[in-house]
Amino acid sequence: MTFDWNWWLELFAATLGVLSVWYARKENILVFPFGIVNVLIYIYICFAARLYANAGINMVYFISNAFGWYMWGKNDDGESRVEIAHNTTVQNIISWLSIVGIYALALFVLRYANRTDMAYLHDSVFNLGSINLTLPHIDAFNTAFFMVATILMVFKKVENWVFWTVGNVVSIPIYISQGLYFTGIQYAIFLVLALMGWIEWRKKIKSTAMEH
């Protein structure tokens, strides 16, 4: 029996990812050290699976995790630098416009960078009649949602869980279609945790409001 290094590496990374999101739901700063190791491994995994935009966003995750580690820490007075809060109307508009812009840019870059790779450009992930979503479309789509989600999470915006939820729903079939079954299961768990995080963070805001 041969040792499948990639199989165990994916399982290890998926476990770290679940722990990271679990701590995020609990508003625990341990989300970031677990998250940093997770994304470093997934940069390699995504490149190997030809999920180039997802490999790129994991590089962004590394930076955002490092910055988030600082932001979720304490200031010189021993108080949290950021508190859980809702987006303002303007911040919501900016978030959704950012998704459209990031999606368009990511799709262009993916199609141009892989213009000679016909297998990648035409790899269909979802096909229903006239609707045919290829790997570049889906890769760019969840990249846009995850990029906005990770920025919102750094600043403890409740809406980060909405964007994680959408991205998780899309990611499950992507990774399974590429044979990354542990990763698909990881994102299914992420989906549940994102919904729980949305509920818990909203409760914390209400609890804080009542105390004041």
Protein backbone atom coordinates (compact mmCIF):
# COMPACT_ATOMS: atom_id res chain seq x y z
CA MET A 1 0.00 0.00 0.00
CA THR A 2 1.54 3.31 -1.13
CA PHE A 3 1.46 6.46 0.97
CA ASP A 4 -0.72 9.10 -0.71
CA TRP A 5 0.88 12.34 0.46
CA ASN A 6 -1.67 14.60 -1.28
CA TRP A 7 -4.60 12.72 0.29
CA TRP A 8 -3.27 13.26 3.82
CA LEU A 9 -2.22 16.83 3.09
CA GLU A 10 -5.74 17.68 1.92
CA LEU A 11 -7.26 16.02 5.00
CA PHE A 12 -4.89 17.93 7.31
CA ALA A 13 -5.62 21.25 5.59
CA ALA A 14 -9.38 20.63 5.67
CA THR A 15 -9.21 19.89 9.41
CA LEU A 16 -7.32 23.13 10.05
CA GLY A 17 -9.88 25.00 7.95
CA VAL A 18 -12.80 23.66 9.98
CA LEU A 19 -11.04 24.60 13.23
CA SER A 20 -10.37 28.08 11.88
CA VAL A 21 -14.01 28.73 10.99
CA TRP A 22 -15.12 27.24 14.32
CA TYR A 23 -12.98 29.80 16.16
CA ALA A 24 -14.24 32.59 13.87
CA ARG A 25 -17.80 31.71 14.84
CA LYS A 26 -16.78 31.98 18.51
CA GLU A 27 -15.01 35.31 17.87
CA ASN A 28 -11.77 33.69 19.04
CA ILE A 29 -8.45 35.03 17.74
CA LEU A 30 -7.22 31.45 17.16
CA VAL A 31 -9.09 31.66 13.86
CA PHE A 32 -5.99 33.30 12.39
CA PRO A 33 -3.05 30.98 13.22
CA PHE A 34 -5.11 27.98 12.10
CA GLY A 35 -6.23 29.92 9.06
CA ILE A 36 -2.70 30.89 8.04
CA VAL A 37 -1.45 27.30 7.94
CA ASN A 38 -4.64 26.22 6.15
CA VAL A 39 -4.30 28.76 3.33
CA LEU A 40 -0.59 28.07 2.79
CA ILE A 41 -1.39 24.41 2.16
CA TYR A 42 -4.34 25.26 -0.07
CA ILE A 43 -2.23 27.47 -2.31
CA TYR A 44 -0.42 24.30 -3.32
CA ILE A 45 -3.59 22.19 -3.50
CA CYS A 46 -5.48 24.69 -5.67
CA PHE A 47 -2.61 25.07 -8.13
CA ALA A 48 -2.44 21.30 -8.44
CA ALA A 49 -6.22 21.15 -9.10
CA ARG A 50 -6.04 24.01 -11.67
CA LEU A 51 -8.19 26.24 -9.46
CA TYR A 52 -5.96 29.20 -10.16
CA ALA A 53 -8.23 31.97 -8.87
CA ASN A 54 -8.74 30.03 -5.64
CA ALA A 55 -4.98 29.66 -5.32
CA GLY A 56 -4.68 33.41 -5.75
CA ILE A 57 -7.34 34.19 -3.18
CA ASN A 58 -5.58 31.93 -0.69
CA MET A 59 -2.60 34.26 -1.06
CA VAL A 60 -4.96 37.12 -0.19
CA TYR A 61 -6.24 35.03 2.74
CA PHE A 62 -2.68 34.78 4.05
CA ILE A 63 -2.36 38.57 4.12
CA SER A 64 -5.86 39.08 5.56
CA ASN A 65 -5.23 36.46 8.27
CA ALA A 66 -2.03 38.19 9.31
CA PHE A 67 -3.81 41.57 9.40
CA GLY A 68 -6.86 40.06 11.09
CA TRP A 69 -4.65 38.58 13.81
CA TYR A 70 -3.54 42.13 14.60
CA MET A 71 -7.02 43.68 14.32
CA TRP A 72 -8.68 41.08 16.59
CA GLY A 73 -6.04 41.63 19.25
CA LYS A 74 -6.03 44.16 22.07
CA ASN A 75 -4.84 47.75 21.94
CA ASP A 76 -2.54 49.37 24.51
CA ASP A 77 -5.53 49.89 26.81
CA GLY A 78 -6.37 46.19 26.77
CA GLU A 79 -9.52 46.72 24.70
CA SER A 80 -10.47 45.05 21.42
CA ARG A 81 -9.52 47.03 18.33
CA VAL A 82 -12.75 46.06 16.56
CA GLU A 83 -16.20 45.04 17.75
CA ILE A 84 -18.88 43.02 15.98
CA ALA A 85 -21.13 45.33 13.96
CA HIS A 86 -23.41 45.41 10.92
CA ASN A 87 -22.40 47.00 7.63
CA THR A 88 -23.78 50.42 6.93
CA THR A 89 -25.91 50.84 3.80
CA VAL A 90 -22.94 52.34 1.97
CA GLN A 91 -20.69 49.46 3.06
CA ASN A 92 -23.24 46.94 1.78
CA ILE A 93 -23.40 48.69 -1.60
CA ILE A 94 -19.60 48.77 -1.80
CA SER A 95 -19.43 45.07 -0.86
CA TRP A 96 -21.82 43.98 -3.63
CA LEU A 97 -20.24 46.25 -6.24
CA SER A 98 -16.85 44.84 -5.25
CA ILE A 99 -18.11 41.32 -5.90
CA VAL A 100 -19.17 42.28 -9.43
CA GLY A 101 -15.86 43.99 -10.10
CA ILE A 102 -13.71 41.19 -8.64
CA TYR A 103 -15.68 38.56 -10.55
CA ALA A 104 -15.24 40.35 -13.88
CA LEU A 105 -11.54 40.92 -13.27
CA ALA A 106 -10.88 37.37 -12.05
CA LEU A 107 -12.75 35.85 -15.00
CA PHE A 108 -10.80 37.98 -17.49
CA VAL A 109 -7.45 37.11 -15.90
CA LEU A 110 -8.29 33.39 -15.72
CA ARG A 111 -9.43 33.18 -19.33
CA TYR A 112 -6.49 35.19 -20.62
CA ALA A 113 -3.83 33.44 -18.55
CA ASN A 114 -5.17 30.02 -19.61
CA ARG A 115 -6.17 30.92 -23.18
CA THR A 116 -4.22 27.99 -24.61
CA ASP A 117 -5.60 25.46 -22.09
CA MET A 118 -8.84 24.38 -23.78
CA ALA A 119 -9.49 21.65 -21.22
CA TYR A 120 -9.55 24.24 -18.44
CA LEU A 121 -11.55 26.85 -20.37
CA HIS A 122 -14.28 24.38 -21.30
CA ASP A 123 -14.34 22.23 -18.16
CA SER A 124 -18.07 22.32 -17.38
CA VAL A 125 -19.03 22.28 -13.70
CA PHE A 126 -22.74 22.99 -14.10
CA ASN A 127 -24.78 22.37 -17.25
CA LEU A 128 -28.53 22.82 -17.41
CA GLY A 129 -29.88 23.37 -20.89
CA SER A 130 -28.62 26.71 -22.18
CA ILE A 131 -26.84 27.42 -18.89
CA ASN A 132 -23.27 26.12 -18.97
CA LEU A 133 -20.97 27.28 -16.20
CA THR A 134 -17.36 26.38 -16.81
CA LEU A 135 -14.57 26.10 -14.24
CA PRO A 136 -13.28 29.66 -14.90
CA HIS A 137 -16.77 31.13 -14.29
CA ILE A 138 -17.29 29.25 -11.03
CA ASP A 139 -13.69 29.78 -9.90
CA ALA A 140 -14.05 33.55 -10.41
CA PHE A 141 -17.51 33.63 -8.79
CA ASN A 142 -16.59 32.11 -5.45
CA THR A 143 -13.28 33.98 -5.47
CA ALA A 144 -15.23 37.26 -5.55
CA PHE A 145 -17.48 36.27 -2.66
CA PHE A 146 -14.66 34.89 -0.54
CA MET A 147 -12.45 37.92 -1.07
CA VAL A 148 -15.17 40.29 0.17
CA ALA A 149 -16.05 37.90 3.00
CA THR A 150 -12.51 37.71 4.33
CA ILE A 151 -12.15 41.51 4.37
CA LEU A 152 -15.45 41.92 6.22
CA MET A 153 -14.43 39.26 8.74
CA VAL A 154 -11.23 41.13 9.59
CA PHE A 155 -13.38 44.10 10.63
CA LYS A 156 -15.96 41.85 12.38
CA LYS A 157 -18.83 42.75 10.10
CA VAL A 158 -21.78 40.38 10.57
CA GLU A 159 -22.41 40.33 6.82
CA ASN A 160 -19.17 38.42 6.27
CA TRP A 161 -21.15 35.26 7.06
CA VAL A 162 -23.60 35.96 4.21
CA PHE A 163 -20.78 36.08 1.67
CA TRP A 164 -19.07 33.01 3.15
CA THR A 165 -22.39 31.14 2.86
CA VAL A 166 -22.81 31.91 -0.84
CA GLY A 167 -19.19 31.02 -1.60
CA ASN A 168 -19.43 27.78 0.37
CA VAL A 169 -22.55 26.66 -1.52
CA VAL A 170 -20.75 27.19 -4.83
CA SER A 171 -17.45 25.66 -3.67
CA ILE A 172 -18.84 22.26 -2.67
CA PRO A 173 -19.51 21.02 -6.25
CA ILE A 174 -16.33 22.70 -7.55
CA TYR A 175 -13.97 20.77 -5.32
CA ILE A 176 -15.86 17.51 -5.64
CA SER A 177 -15.73 17.83 -9.45
CA GLN A 178 -11.94 18.15 -9.17
CA GLY A 179 -11.69 15.02 -7.01
CA LEU A 180 -10.97 16.96 -3.81
CA TYR A 181 -13.55 15.14 -1.71
CA PHE A 182 -12.22 16.09 1.72
CA THR A 183 -12.23 19.71 0.64
CA GLY A 184 -15.82 19.35 -0.56
CA ILE A 185 -16.78 17.96 2.86
CA GLN A 186 -14.83 20.79 4.50
CA TYR A 187 -16.90 23.38 2.63
CA ALA A 188 -20.11 21.59 3.55
CA ILE A 189 -19.06 21.96 7.20
CA PHE A 190 -18.08 25.58 6.48
CA LEU A 191 -21.61 26.17 5.22
CA VAL A 192 -23.14 24.95 8.47
CA LEU A 193 -20.65 26.95 10.55
CA ALA A 194 -21.27 30.10 8.49
CA LEU A 195 -25.00 29.89 9.16
CA MET A 196 -24.29 29.33 12.87
CA GLY A 197 -21.83 32.24 12.86
CA TRP A 198 -24.45 34.52 11.32
CA ILE A 199 -26.91 33.62 14.07
CA GLU A 200 -24.38 33.89 16.92
CA TRP A 201 -22.88 37.21 15.84
CA ARG A 202 -26.33 38.77 15.50
CA LYS A 203 -27.18 37.56 18.99
CA LYS A 204 -23.99 39.15 20.34
CA ILE A 205 -24.91 42.51 18.81
CA LYS A 206 -28.38 42.35 20.36
CA SER A 207 -26.91 41.33 23.73
CA THR A 208 -24.42 44.22 23.63
CA ALA A 209 -27.18 46.68 22.69
CA MET A 210 -29.29 45.53 25.63
CA GLU A 211 -26.37 46.00 28.04
CA HIS A 212 -26.08 49.60 26.96
